[in-house]
Amino acid sequence: LLHSLNQQRSRKTEIGEGFDDLSAAIWTLLDRCQQTGDARVAKMAMMLSQTFYREKPFDLEDEPDEATSPTSRGEGEGSGTDVTSRDTIAETVQRRSYARGSREYIKSALVEHPLWQDMLFWDAACWESIREALSSDGDEVALWHELGPDAARDAVLRVHNIVFSQIGAYAHSMVEFGCKRGKARQFVRRLCSAYQLGEEQRHMLLKLPLLDDEE
């Protein structure tokens, strides 16, 4: 399923009437991932759930009654001019275009899945992404004792930056998928300690918009 979706996302991500069926299929997949502890497949499902969507229908009830609005009757500012002024038409078109472009992503049907409250999943998924990022870094592998002081310092900095970006991304996803902000902050503190990030980077992560407890 996920392989097919991954192939499809480069062609078309609007799924229309298939929204409910695809949501149910991914929910079942997440059930299985939680049972087996398969963080790799679950995080791919999470990513794809933020890719595929359906267009939300335009609600005419949200629009003002054009037949009785002051502008349509020529009672507002500019009364005596053409009742369908160019500005009014432009505002209406912009408003309706925005409504037609409103998207509902598969994620919205999955936020209640219990997997997202499982800290073991988030720990494993973050580690998997860190490992993948380090593997794809592209630099020639060298033994630690072969590195000079400057090269060793650069290597540590590179690893810390990768870890920093992945912790931030997963903490953000935790909140997006229904975890409490406090739980995401605990995740950040715990992983910063585990991966030996500095105080400055930890502070920066805790100040991310969805995590900052001073908002």
N, C-alpha and C. Protein backbone atom coordinates (compact mmCIF):
# COMPACT_ATOMS: atom_id res chain seq x y z
N LEU A 1 0.82 -1.21 0.00
CA LEU A 1 0.00 0.00 0.00
C LEU A 1 0.86 1.26 0.00
N LEU A 2 1.81 1.33 0.95
CA LEU A 2 2.63 2.53 1.05
C LEU A 2 3.54 2.70 -0.16
N HIS A 3 4.02 1.58 -0.70
CA HIS A 3 4.84 1.67 -1.91
C HIS A 3 4.04 2.29 -3.06
N SER A 4 2.80 1.85 -3.21
CA SER A 4 1.95 2.39 -4.28
C SER A 4 1.67 3.87 -4.07
N LEU A 5 1.40 4.25 -2.81
CA LEU A 5 1.14 5.65 -2.50
C LEU A 5 2.38 6.50 -2.75
N ASN A 6 3.54 5.96 -2.41
CA ASN A 6 4.78 6.69 -2.61
C ASN A 6 5.03 6.94 -4.10
N GLN A 7 4.66 5.97 -4.93
CA GLN A 7 4.77 6.15 -6.37
C GLN A 7 3.74 7.15 -6.87
N GLN A 8 2.55 7.12 -6.30
CA GLN A 8 1.46 7.97 -6.76
C GLN A 8 1.66 9.44 -6.41
N ARG A 9 2.35 9.72 -5.35
CA ARG A 9 2.42 11.11 -4.87
C ARG A 9 3.16 12.04 -5.81
N SER A 10 3.96 11.48 -6.71
CA SER A 10 4.63 12.33 -7.70
C SER A 10 3.71 12.66 -8.87
N ARG A 11 2.56 12.00 -8.93
CA ARG A 11 1.63 12.24 -10.03
C ARG A 11 0.37 12.98 -9.59
N LYS A 12 -0.30 12.47 -8.58
CA LYS A 12 -1.54 13.10 -8.12
C LYS A 12 -1.75 12.76 -6.65
N THR A 13 -2.04 13.79 -5.85
CA THR A 13 -2.23 13.58 -4.41
C THR A 13 -3.66 13.89 -3.97
N GLU A 14 -4.50 14.37 -4.86
CA GLU A 14 -5.91 14.62 -4.53
C GLU A 14 -6.67 13.32 -4.78
N ILE A 15 -7.34 12.78 -3.75
CA ILE A 15 -7.92 11.44 -3.86
C ILE A 15 -9.45 11.43 -3.86
N GLY A 16 -10.08 12.58 -3.65
CA GLY A 16 -11.53 12.68 -3.80
C GLY A 16 -12.32 11.66 -3.00
N GLU A 17 -13.14 10.88 -3.70
CA GLU A 17 -14.04 9.94 -3.05
C GLU A 17 -13.32 8.78 -2.38
N GLY A 18 -12.06 8.60 -2.67
CA GLY A 18 -11.30 7.52 -2.03
C GLY A 18 -10.77 7.87 -0.65
N PHE A 19 -11.09 9.06 -0.17
CA PHE A 19 -10.55 9.56 1.10
C PHE A 19 -10.86 8.61 2.26
N ASP A 20 -12.12 8.26 2.43
CA ASP A 20 -12.52 7.43 3.58
C ASP A 20 -11.92 6.04 3.51
N ASP A 21 -11.91 5.45 2.32
CA ASP A 21 -11.35 4.10 2.18
C ASP A 21 -9.85 4.09 2.46
N LEU A 22 -9.14 5.10 1.95
CA LEU A 22 -7.70 5.16 2.18
C LEU A 22 -7.41 5.43 3.66
N SER A 23 -8.20 6.27 4.28
CA SER A 23 -8.03 6.54 5.71
C SER A 23 -8.19 5.26 6.52
N ALA A 24 -9.21 4.48 6.20
CA ALA A 24 -9.46 3.23 6.92
C ALA A 24 -8.33 2.23 6.71
N ALA A 25 -7.80 2.19 5.49
CA ALA A 25 -6.71 1.26 5.20
C ALA A 25 -5.44 1.62 5.97
N ILE A 26 -5.12 2.91 6.03
CA ILE A 26 -3.92 3.34 6.75
C ILE A 26 -4.12 3.16 8.26
N TRP A 27 -5.34 3.36 8.75
CA TRP A 27 -5.62 3.13 10.17
C TRP A 27 -5.32 1.67 10.53
N THR A 28 -5.79 0.75 9.68
CA THR A 28 -5.53 -0.67 9.91
C THR A 28 -4.04 -0.97 9.86
N LEU A 29 -3.35 -0.33 8.94
CA LEU A 29 -1.90 -0.50 8.84
C LEU A 29 -1.21 -0.02 10.11
N LEU A 30 -1.66 1.11 10.65
CA LEU A 30 -1.09 1.62 11.89
C LEU A 30 -1.36 0.69 13.07
N ASP A 31 -2.54 0.06 13.07
CA ASP A 31 -2.82 -0.96 14.10
C ASP A 31 -1.74 -2.04 14.09
N ARG A 32 -1.45 -2.52 12.89
CA ARG A 32 -0.46 -3.58 12.74
C ARG A 32 0.93 -3.10 13.14
N CYS A 33 1.27 -1.88 12.77
CA CYS A 33 2.57 -1.32 13.13
C CYS A 33 2.72 -1.23 14.64
N GLN A 34 1.65 -0.84 15.31
CA GLN A 34 1.72 -0.73 16.77
C GLN A 34 1.88 -2.10 17.41
N GLN A 35 1.23 -3.10 16.85
CA GLN A 35 1.33 -4.46 17.39
C GLN A 35 2.73 -5.03 17.23
N THR A 36 3.36 -4.72 16.10
CA THR A 36 4.66 -5.32 15.77
C THR A 36 5.85 -4.40 16.09
N GLY A 37 5.58 -3.16 16.48
CA GLY A 37 6.65 -2.21 16.75
C GLY A 37 7.38 -1.76 15.50
N ASP A 38 6.69 -1.70 14.38
CA ASP A 38 7.31 -1.32 13.11
C ASP A 38 7.27 0.20 12.93
N ALA A 39 8.27 0.88 13.48
CA ALA A 39 8.31 2.34 13.41
C ALA A 39 8.60 2.83 12.00
N ARG A 40 9.38 2.09 11.24
CA ARG A 40 9.74 2.54 9.89
C ARG A 40 8.51 2.67 9.00
N VAL A 41 7.66 1.65 9.00
CA VAL A 41 6.46 1.70 8.18
C VAL A 41 5.48 2.75 8.72
N ALA A 42 5.38 2.84 10.04
CA ALA A 42 4.45 3.80 10.64
C ALA A 42 4.84 5.23 10.31
N LYS A 43 6.12 5.54 10.33
CA LYS A 43 6.52 6.92 10.04
C LYS A 43 6.33 7.24 8.56
N MET A 44 6.44 6.25 7.70
CA MET A 44 6.15 6.48 6.29
C MET A 44 4.66 6.75 6.09
N ALA A 45 3.83 5.99 6.82
CA ALA A 45 2.39 6.22 6.75
C ALA A 45 2.05 7.62 7.26
N MET A 46 2.72 8.05 8.33
CA MET A 46 2.51 9.38 8.87
C MET A 46 2.85 10.45 7.84
N MET A 47 3.97 10.28 7.16
CA MET A 47 4.39 11.24 6.15
C MET A 47 3.37 11.31 5.00
N LEU A 48 2.94 10.15 4.53
CA LEU A 48 2.01 10.12 3.40
C LEU A 48 0.64 10.65 3.78
N SER A 49 0.27 10.52 5.05
CA SER A 49 -1.03 11.04 5.47
C SER A 49 -1.07 12.56 5.41
N GLN A 50 0.10 13.19 5.34
CA GLN A 50 0.16 14.64 5.21
C GLN A 50 0.36 15.07 3.76
N THR A 51 0.29 14.09 2.85
CA THR A 51 0.47 14.35 1.43
C THR A 51 -0.83 14.23 0.66
N PHE A 52 -1.62 13.20 0.97
CA PHE A 52 -2.85 12.93 0.21
C PHE A 52 -4.05 13.62 0.88
N TYR A 53 -4.93 14.15 0.06
CA TYR A 53 -6.01 14.98 0.57
C TYR A 53 -7.22 14.92 -0.35
N ARG A 54 -8.31 15.52 0.13
CA ARG A 54 -9.47 15.79 -0.71
C ARG A 54 -9.84 17.25 -0.57
N GLU A 55 -10.42 17.79 -1.61
CA GLU A 55 -10.87 19.17 -1.56
C GLU A 55 -12.12 19.26 -0.71
N LYS A 56 -12.12 20.19 0.24
CA LYS A 56 -13.31 20.40 1.06
C LYS A 56 -14.33 21.20 0.25
N PRO A 57 -15.60 20.82 0.28
CA PRO A 57 -16.62 21.53 -0.50
C PRO A 57 -16.80 22.96 -0.01
N PHE A 58 -17.08 23.84 -0.95
CA PHE A 58 -17.32 25.24 -0.64
C PHE A 58 -18.69 25.39 0.00
N ASP A 59 -18.76 26.05 1.16
CA ASP A 59 -20.01 26.24 1.88
C ASP A 59 -20.60 27.60 1.54
N LEU A 60 -21.67 27.59 0.77
CA LEU A 60 -22.28 28.85 0.37
C LEU A 60 -22.83 29.63 1.56
N GLU A 61 -23.09 28.94 2.67
CA GLU A 61 -23.63 29.63 3.83
C GLU A 61 -22.61 30.56 4.46
N ASP A 62 -21.33 30.35 4.13
CA ASP A 62 -20.30 31.22 4.66
C ASP A 62 -20.22 32.55 3.93
N GLU A 63 -20.88 32.63 2.76
CA GLU A 63 -20.85 33.84 1.97
C GLU A 63 -21.96 34.79 2.40
N PRO A 64 -21.73 36.11 2.41
CA PRO A 64 -22.81 37.05 2.67
C PRO A 64 -23.82 37.02 1.54
N ASP A 65 -25.06 37.37 1.83
CA ASP A 65 -26.12 37.40 0.84
C ASP A 65 -25.88 38.58 -0.08
N GLU A 66 -25.42 38.30 -1.30
CA GLU A 66 -25.05 39.36 -2.22
C GLU A 66 -26.25 40.19 -2.65
N ALA A 67 -27.43 39.58 -2.62
CA ALA A 67 -28.63 40.31 -3.05
C ALA A 67 -29.03 41.37 -2.05
N THR A 68 -28.64 41.20 -0.77
CA THR A 68 -29.05 42.15 0.26
C THR A 68 -27.89 42.92 0.87
N SER A 69 -26.68 42.66 0.39
CA SER A 69 -25.54 43.37 0.95
C SER A 69 -25.58 44.83 0.53
N PRO A 70 -25.02 45.73 1.35
CA PRO A 70 -25.03 47.15 1.01
C PRO A 70 -24.41 47.44 -0.33
N THR A 71 -23.33 46.72 -0.68
CA THR A 71 -22.66 47.00 -1.94
C THR A 71 -23.55 46.66 -3.12
N SER A 72 -24.27 45.52 -3.01
CA SER A 72 -25.10 45.10 -4.13
C SER A 72 -26.28 46.04 -4.33
N ARG A 73 -26.71 46.72 -3.24
CA ARG A 73 -27.82 47.65 -3.38
C ARG A 73 -27.34 49.05 -3.70
N GLY A 74 -26.00 49.24 -3.72
CA GLY A 74 -25.47 50.56 -4.01
C GLY A 74 -25.59 51.50 -2.84
N GLU A 75 -25.67 50.96 -1.59
CA GLU A 75 -25.87 51.80 -0.42
C GLU A 75 -24.57 52.12 0.30
N GLY A 76 -23.53 51.37 0.01
CA GLY A 76 -22.27 51.57 0.73
C GLY A 76 -21.48 52.69 0.13
N GLU A 77 -20.20 52.68 0.47
CA GLU A 77 -19.30 53.71 -0.06
C GLU A 77 -19.28 53.59 -1.58
N GLY A 78 -19.37 54.74 -2.25
CA GLY A 78 -19.40 54.73 -3.70
C GLY A 78 -20.80 54.54 -4.23
N SER A 79 -21.85 54.79 -3.42
CA SER A 79 -23.22 54.64 -3.87
C SER A 79 -23.45 55.53 -5.08
N GLY A 80 -24.13 54.98 -6.05
CA GLY A 80 -24.36 55.71 -7.29
C GLY A 80 -23.46 55.23 -8.40
N THR A 81 -22.46 54.44 -8.06
CA THR A 81 -21.60 53.84 -9.08
C THR A 81 -22.16 52.49 -9.44
N ASP A 82 -21.47 51.76 -10.32
CA ASP A 82 -21.89 50.42 -10.73
C ASP A 82 -22.00 49.54 -9.49
N VAL A 83 -23.14 48.86 -9.30
CA VAL A 83 -23.38 48.08 -8.09
C VAL A 83 -22.45 46.88 -7.99
N THR A 84 -21.88 46.43 -9.09
CA THR A 84 -20.91 45.33 -9.05
C THR A 84 -19.54 45.92 -9.31
N SER A 85 -19.01 46.63 -8.33
CA SER A 85 -17.72 47.30 -8.48
C SER A 85 -16.62 46.29 -8.69
N ARG A 86 -15.54 46.73 -9.32
CA ARG A 86 -14.41 45.86 -9.59
C ARG A 86 -13.80 45.33 -8.31
N ASP A 87 -13.71 46.17 -7.26
CA ASP A 87 -13.13 45.73 -5.99
C ASP A 87 -13.98 44.64 -5.36
N THR A 88 -15.31 44.80 -5.40
CA THR A 88 -16.19 43.80 -4.80
C THR A 88 -16.07 42.47 -5.51
N ILE A 89 -16.02 42.49 -6.82
CA ILE A 89 -15.88 41.26 -7.60
C ILE A 89 -14.56 40.58 -7.26
N ALA A 90 -13.50 41.36 -7.17
CA ALA A 90 -12.19 40.79 -6.88
C ALA A 90 -12.18 40.13 -5.51
N GLU A 91 -12.79 40.80 -4.50
CA GLU A 91 -12.83 40.24 -3.15
C GLU A 91 -13.63 38.94 -3.12
N THR A 92 -14.75 38.91 -3.84
CA THR A 92 -15.59 37.71 -3.87
C THR A 92 -14.88 36.55 -4.54
N VAL A 93 -14.21 36.83 -5.65
CA VAL A 93 -13.47 35.78 -6.36
C VAL A 93 -12.36 35.23 -5.48
N GLN A 94 -11.65 36.14 -4.81
CA GLN A 94 -10.56 35.69 -3.94
C GLN A 94 -11.08 34.83 -2.81
N ARG A 95 -12.20 35.22 -2.20
CA ARG A 95 -12.78 34.49 -1.09
C ARG A 95 -13.23 33.11 -1.53
N ARG A 96 -13.88 33.02 -2.67
CA ARG A 96 -14.37 31.74 -3.15
C ARG A 96 -13.24 30.85 -3.62
N SER A 97 -12.21 31.45 -4.22
CA SER A 97 -11.07 30.66 -4.66
C SER A 97 -10.38 30.03 -3.47
N TYR A 98 -10.27 30.79 -2.38
CA TYR A 98 -9.64 30.26 -1.17
C TYR A 98 -10.45 29.09 -0.61
N ALA A 99 -11.78 29.24 -0.59
CA ALA A 99 -12.64 28.19 -0.05
C ALA A 99 -12.54 26.92 -0.89
N ARG A 100 -12.51 27.07 -2.20
CA ARG A 100 -12.41 25.90 -3.07
C ARG A 100 -11.06 25.21 -2.89
N GLY A 101 -10.04 25.98 -2.50
CA GLY A 101 -8.71 25.40 -2.36
C GLY A 101 -8.45 24.81 -0.99
N SER A 102 -9.43 24.79 -0.10
CA SER A 102 -9.24 24.25 1.23
C SER A 102 -9.12 22.73 1.15
N ARG A 103 -8.09 22.19 1.75
CA ARG A 103 -7.80 20.76 1.64
C ARG A 103 -7.95 20.05 2.99
N GLU A 104 -8.46 18.84 2.95
CA GLU A 104 -8.54 17.99 4.12
C GLU A 104 -7.61 16.80 3.90
N TYR A 105 -6.57 16.71 4.72
CA TYR A 105 -5.57 15.67 4.54
C TYR A 105 -5.95 14.41 5.31
N ILE A 106 -5.42 13.29 4.84
CA ILE A 106 -5.67 12.00 5.49
C ILE A 106 -5.32 12.07 6.97
N LYS A 107 -4.34 12.87 7.30
CA LYS A 107 -3.92 13.02 8.70
C LYS A 107 -5.10 13.31 9.62
N SER A 108 -6.05 14.11 9.14
CA SER A 108 -7.17 14.51 10.00
C SER A 108 -8.01 13.31 10.44
N ALA A 109 -7.99 12.22 9.66
CA ALA A 109 -8.75 11.02 10.01
C ALA A 109 -7.94 10.07 10.89
N LEU A 110 -6.66 10.39 11.13
CA LEU A 110 -5.78 9.47 11.85
C LEU A 110 -5.28 10.01 13.18
N VAL A 111 -5.60 11.26 13.50
CA VAL A 111 -5.01 11.87 14.70
C VAL A 111 -5.45 11.18 15.99
N GLU A 112 -6.55 10.45 15.95
CA GLU A 112 -7.02 9.77 17.16
C GLU A 112 -6.42 8.38 17.33
N HIS A 113 -5.57 7.96 16.40
CA HIS A 113 -5.00 6.62 16.53
C HIS A 113 -4.09 6.55 17.76
N PRO A 114 -4.20 5.48 18.55
CA PRO A 114 -3.42 5.39 19.79
C PRO A 114 -1.91 5.31 19.58
N LEU A 115 -1.46 4.97 18.40
CA LEU A 115 -0.03 4.89 18.15
C LEU A 115 0.68 6.20 18.46
N TRP A 116 0.02 7.32 18.17
CA TRP A 116 0.66 8.63 18.34
C TRP A 116 0.92 8.96 19.80
N GLN A 117 0.27 8.25 20.72
CA GLN A 117 0.51 8.48 22.14
C GLN A 117 1.57 7.54 22.71
N ASP A 118 2.14 6.72 21.85
CA ASP A 118 3.15 5.74 22.26
C ASP A 118 4.55 6.34 22.10
N MET A 119 5.19 6.64 23.21
CA MET A 119 6.50 7.28 23.14
C MET A 119 7.56 6.37 22.53
N LEU A 120 7.38 5.06 22.65
CA LEU A 120 8.33 4.15 22.03
C LEU A 120 8.34 4.34 20.51
N PHE A 121 7.18 4.61 19.94
CA PHE A 121 7.13 4.86 18.50
C PHE A 121 7.93 6.10 18.13
N TRP A 122 7.71 7.20 18.85
CA TRP A 122 8.40 8.44 18.50
C TRP A 122 9.91 8.32 18.67
N ASP A 123 10.34 7.64 19.73
CA ASP A 123 11.77 7.42 19.93
C ASP A 123 12.37 6.61 18.78
N ALA A 124 11.69 5.52 18.43
CA ALA A 124 12.20 4.64 17.38
C ALA A 124 12.16 5.32 16.02
N ALA A 125 11.09 6.07 15.74
CA ALA A 125 10.97 6.75 14.45
C ALA A 125 12.04 7.82 14.30
N CYS A 126 12.28 8.56 15.38
CA CYS A 126 13.32 9.61 15.32
C CYS A 126 14.70 8.99 15.11
N TRP A 127 14.98 7.91 15.84
CA TRP A 127 16.27 7.24 15.65
C TRP A 127 16.41 6.72 14.22
N GLU A 128 15.35 6.15 13.67
CA GLU A 128 15.40 5.64 12.30
C GLU A 128 15.72 6.77 11.31
N SER A 129 15.11 7.93 11.51
CA SER A 129 15.35 9.05 10.61
C SER A 129 16.75 9.61 10.79
N ILE A 130 17.25 9.63 12.02
CA ILE A 130 18.63 10.07 12.24
C ILE A 130 19.61 9.13 11.54
N ARG A 131 19.38 7.84 11.68
CA ARG A 131 20.24 6.85 11.04
C ARG A 131 20.22 7.01 9.52
N GLU A 132 19.03 7.21 8.95
CA GLU A 132 18.92 7.39 7.51
C GLU A 132 19.64 8.65 7.05
N ALA A 133 19.49 9.73 7.82
CA ALA A 133 20.14 10.99 7.45
C ALA A 133 21.66 10.87 7.52
N LEU A 134 22.15 10.19 8.52
CA LEU A 134 23.60 10.00 8.63
C LEU A 134 24.12 9.10 7.51
N SER A 135 23.34 8.10 7.13
CA SER A 135 23.76 7.18 6.07
C SER A 135 23.80 7.86 4.72
N SER A 136 22.94 8.85 4.53
CA SER A 136 22.87 9.53 3.23
C SER A 136 23.69 10.81 3.22
N ASP A 137 24.49 11.03 4.26
CA ASP A 137 25.27 12.26 4.36
C ASP A 137 26.23 12.41 3.20
N GLY A 138 26.72 11.29 2.67
CA GLY A 138 27.53 11.34 1.46
C GLY A 138 29.02 11.47 1.68
N ASP A 139 29.44 11.79 2.89
CA ASP A 139 30.87 11.94 3.13
C ASP A 139 31.56 10.58 3.24
N GLU A 140 32.81 10.54 2.89
CA GLU A 140 33.57 9.30 3.00
C GLU A 140 33.70 8.91 4.47
N VAL A 141 33.44 7.65 4.75
CA VAL A 141 33.51 7.17 6.14
C VAL A 141 34.96 7.08 6.58
N ALA A 142 35.22 7.62 7.75
CA ALA A 142 36.57 7.54 8.30
C ALA A 142 36.47 7.08 9.75
N LEU A 143 37.48 6.33 10.20
CA LEU A 143 37.52 5.91 11.59
C LEU A 143 37.79 7.11 12.48
N TRP A 144 37.15 7.09 13.66
CA TRP A 144 37.27 8.25 14.54
C TRP A 144 38.72 8.59 14.87
N HIS A 145 39.55 7.55 15.13
CA HIS A 145 40.94 7.82 15.52
C HIS A 145 41.78 8.34 14.36
N GLU A 146 41.23 8.27 13.14
CA GLU A 146 41.96 8.78 11.98
C GLU A 146 41.71 10.27 11.75
N LEU A 147 40.74 10.83 12.46
CA LEU A 147 40.40 12.24 12.26
C LEU A 147 41.30 13.14 13.10
N GLY A 148 41.70 14.24 12.47
CA GLY A 148 42.42 15.25 13.23
C GLY A 148 41.46 16.05 14.08
N PRO A 149 41.97 16.94 14.94
CA PRO A 149 41.10 17.72 15.84
C PRO A 149 40.01 18.51 15.10
N ASP A 150 40.38 19.19 14.02
CA ASP A 150 39.40 20.00 13.29
C ASP A 150 38.36 19.11 12.61
N ALA A 151 38.81 18.02 12.00
CA ALA A 151 37.88 17.11 11.32
C ALA A 151 36.93 16.45 12.31
N ALA A 152 37.48 16.10 13.47
CA ALA A 152 36.64 15.48 14.50
C ALA A 152 35.58 16.46 14.99
N ARG A 153 35.98 17.72 15.19
CA ARG A 153 35.04 18.74 15.64
C ARG A 153 33.94 18.97 14.59
N ASP A 154 34.32 18.99 13.33
CA ASP A 154 33.34 19.17 12.25
C ASP A 154 32.39 17.99 12.18
N ALA A 155 32.92 16.78 12.40
CA ALA A 155 32.08 15.58 12.36
C ALA A 155 31.05 15.60 13.48
N VAL A 156 31.47 15.99 14.66
CA VAL A 156 30.54 16.07 15.79
C VAL A 156 29.47 17.11 15.52
N LEU A 157 29.88 18.26 14.99
CA LEU A 157 28.93 19.32 14.69
C LEU A 157 27.90 18.86 13.65
N ARG A 158 28.37 18.15 12.63
CA ARG A 158 27.48 17.65 11.59
C ARG A 158 26.45 16.67 12.16
N VAL A 159 26.92 15.78 13.00
CA VAL A 159 26.01 14.81 13.61
C VAL A 159 25.00 15.52 14.51
N HIS A 160 25.46 16.46 15.31
CA HIS A 160 24.56 17.18 16.21
C HIS A 160 23.51 17.97 15.43
N ASN A 161 23.90 18.54 14.31
CA ASN A 161 22.94 19.30 13.51
C ASN A 161 21.86 18.39 12.91
N ILE A 162 22.26 17.20 12.50
CA ILE A 162 21.29 16.23 11.98
C ILE A 162 20.33 15.81 13.09
N VAL A 163 20.90 15.49 14.25
CA VAL A 163 20.06 15.09 15.38
C VAL A 163 19.12 16.22 15.79
N PHE A 164 19.63 17.43 15.82
CA PHE A 164 18.83 18.61 16.18
C PHE A 164 17.63 18.75 15.24
N SER A 165 17.87 18.66 13.95
CA SER A 165 16.78 18.86 12.98
C SER A 165 15.74 17.75 13.08
N GLN A 166 16.18 16.53 13.33
CA GLN A 166 15.23 15.41 13.42
C GLN A 166 14.41 15.48 14.70
N ILE A 167 15.03 15.82 15.81
CA ILE A 167 14.27 15.97 17.06
C ILE A 167 13.22 17.06 16.91
N GLY A 168 13.60 18.17 16.30
CA GLY A 168 12.65 19.26 16.10
C GLY A 168 11.49 18.85 15.21
N ALA A 169 11.80 18.13 14.13
CA ALA A 169 10.75 17.70 13.21
C ALA A 169 9.78 16.74 13.88
N TYR A 170 10.29 15.82 14.67
CA TYR A 170 9.41 14.84 15.31
C TYR A 170 8.62 15.45 16.47
N ALA A 171 9.22 16.38 17.20
CA ALA A 171 8.47 17.05 18.26
C ALA A 171 7.31 17.84 17.66
N HIS A 172 7.55 18.48 16.54
CA HIS A 172 6.49 19.21 15.83
C HIS A 172 5.40 18.24 15.39
N SER A 173 5.79 17.09 14.84
CA SER A 173 4.80 16.11 14.39
C SER A 173 4.00 15.55 15.56
N MET A 174 4.64 15.40 16.70
CA MET A 174 3.91 14.90 17.86
C MET A 174 2.71 15.78 18.19
N VAL A 175 2.93 17.09 18.20
CA VAL A 175 1.83 18.02 18.49
C VAL A 175 0.80 17.99 17.37
N GLU A 176 1.28 17.93 16.12
CA GLU A 176 0.37 17.88 14.98
C GLU A 176 -0.52 16.64 15.02
N PHE A 177 -0.03 15.56 15.59
CA PHE A 177 -0.79 14.32 15.64
C PHE A 177 -1.43 14.09 17.01
N GLY A 178 -1.65 15.15 17.75
CA GLY A 178 -2.50 15.08 18.93
C GLY A 178 -1.83 14.91 20.27
N CYS A 179 -0.50 14.86 20.32
CA CYS A 179 0.17 14.78 21.61
C CYS A 179 0.12 16.14 22.32
N LYS A 180 0.04 16.10 23.63
CA LYS A 180 0.09 17.33 24.40
C LYS A 180 1.45 17.99 24.25
N ARG A 181 1.44 19.33 24.34
CA ARG A 181 2.69 20.07 24.21
C ARG A 181 3.70 19.64 25.27
N GLY A 182 3.24 19.40 26.50
CA GLY A 182 4.15 18.97 27.56
C GLY A 182 4.82 17.66 27.24
N LYS A 183 4.10 16.76 26.60
CA LYS A 183 4.67 15.47 26.23
C LYS A 183 5.75 15.64 25.16
N ALA A 184 5.51 16.54 24.23
CA ALA A 184 6.51 16.81 23.19
C ALA A 184 7.74 17.47 23.79
N ARG A 185 7.56 18.34 24.77
CA ARG A 185 8.69 18.98 25.43
C ARG A 185 9.52 17.95 26.19
N GLN A 186 8.86 17.00 26.83
CA GLN A 186 9.58 15.92 27.52
C GLN A 186 10.40 15.11 26.52
N PHE A 187 9.82 14.85 25.36
CA PHE A 187 10.50 14.13 24.30
C PHE A 187 11.79 14.87 23.91
N VAL A 188 11.68 16.19 23.74
CA VAL A 188 12.85 16.99 23.36
C VAL A 188 13.93 16.91 24.43
N ARG A 189 13.54 17.11 25.67
CA ARG A 189 14.54 17.09 26.76
C ARG A 189 15.24 15.73 26.84
N ARG A 190 14.45 14.68 26.75
CA ARG A 190 15.00 13.33 26.89
C ARG A 190 15.97 13.00 25.76
N LEU A 191 15.59 13.32 24.53
CA LEU A 191 16.45 12.98 23.40
C LEU A 191 17.66 13.91 23.31
N CYS A 192 17.50 15.15 23.71
CA CYS A 192 18.67 16.03 23.75
C CYS A 192 19.71 15.49 24.72
N SER A 193 19.25 14.96 25.84
CA SER A 193 20.17 14.37 26.81
C SER A 193 20.78 13.08 26.26
N ALA A 194 19.95 12.25 25.64
CA ALA A 194 20.43 10.97 25.12
C ALA A 194 21.47 11.15 24.02
N TYR A 195 21.26 12.17 23.17
CA TYR A 195 22.17 12.40 22.05
C TYR A 195 23.20 13.48 22.34
N GLN A 196 23.22 13.95 23.59
CA GLN A 196 24.25 14.87 24.07
C GLN A 196 24.28 16.18 23.29
N LEU A 197 23.09 16.71 23.02
CA LEU A 197 23.03 18.04 22.41
C LEU A 197 23.31 19.09 23.48
N GLY A 198 23.83 20.23 23.07
CA GLY A 198 24.16 21.29 24.01
C GLY A 198 22.92 22.01 24.53
N GLU A 199 23.13 22.79 25.57
CA GLU A 199 22.04 23.55 26.19
C GLU A 199 21.41 24.54 25.21
N GLU A 200 22.23 25.16 24.37
CA GLU A 200 21.72 26.14 23.41
C GLU A 200 20.76 25.49 22.41
N GLN A 201 21.14 24.32 21.89
CA GLN A 201 20.27 23.64 20.94
C GLN A 201 18.99 23.15 21.62
N ARG A 202 19.10 22.66 22.84
CA ARG A 202 17.91 22.23 23.57
C ARG A 202 16.95 23.40 23.77
N HIS A 203 17.50 24.54 24.14
CA HIS A 203 16.67 25.73 24.35
C HIS A 203 15.99 26.16 23.05
N MET A 204 16.71 26.10 21.95
CA MET A 204 16.14 26.46 20.65
C MET A 204 14.97 25.54 20.29
N LEU A 205 15.12 24.25 20.56
CA LEU A 205 14.05 23.30 20.26
C LEU A 205 12.81 23.57 21.11
N LEU A 206 13.02 23.87 22.37
CA LEU A 206 11.89 24.12 23.27
C LEU A 206 11.19 25.44 22.96
N LYS A 207 11.84 26.29 22.17
CA LYS A 207 11.25 27.56 21.78
C LYS A 207 10.55 27.49 20.42
N LEU A 208 10.50 26.30 19.82
CA LEU A 208 9.76 26.16 18.58
C LEU A 208 8.30 26.54 18.81
N PRO A 209 7.62 27.13 17.80
CA PRO A 209 6.27 27.66 17.99
C PRO A 209 5.28 26.70 18.65
N LEU A 210 5.27 25.43 18.25
CA LEU A 210 4.30 24.50 18.80
C LEU A 210 4.71 23.95 20.17
N LEU A 211 5.93 24.27 20.61
CA LEU A 211 6.43 23.72 21.86
C LEU A 211 6.60 24.76 22.95
N ASP A 212 6.67 26.02 22.60
CA ASP A 212 6.97 27.07 23.56
C ASP A 212 5.85 27.19 24.58
N ASP A 213 6.16 26.98 25.86
CA ASP A 213 5.12 27.03 26.89
C ASP A 213 4.86 28.45 27.38
N GLU A 214 5.52 29.43 26.77
CA GLU A 214 5.29 30.82 27.16
C GLU A 214 4.27 31.50 26.26
N GLU A 215 3.76 30.75 25.24
CA GLU A 215 2.77 31.34 24.34
C GLU A 215 1.46 31.52 25.07
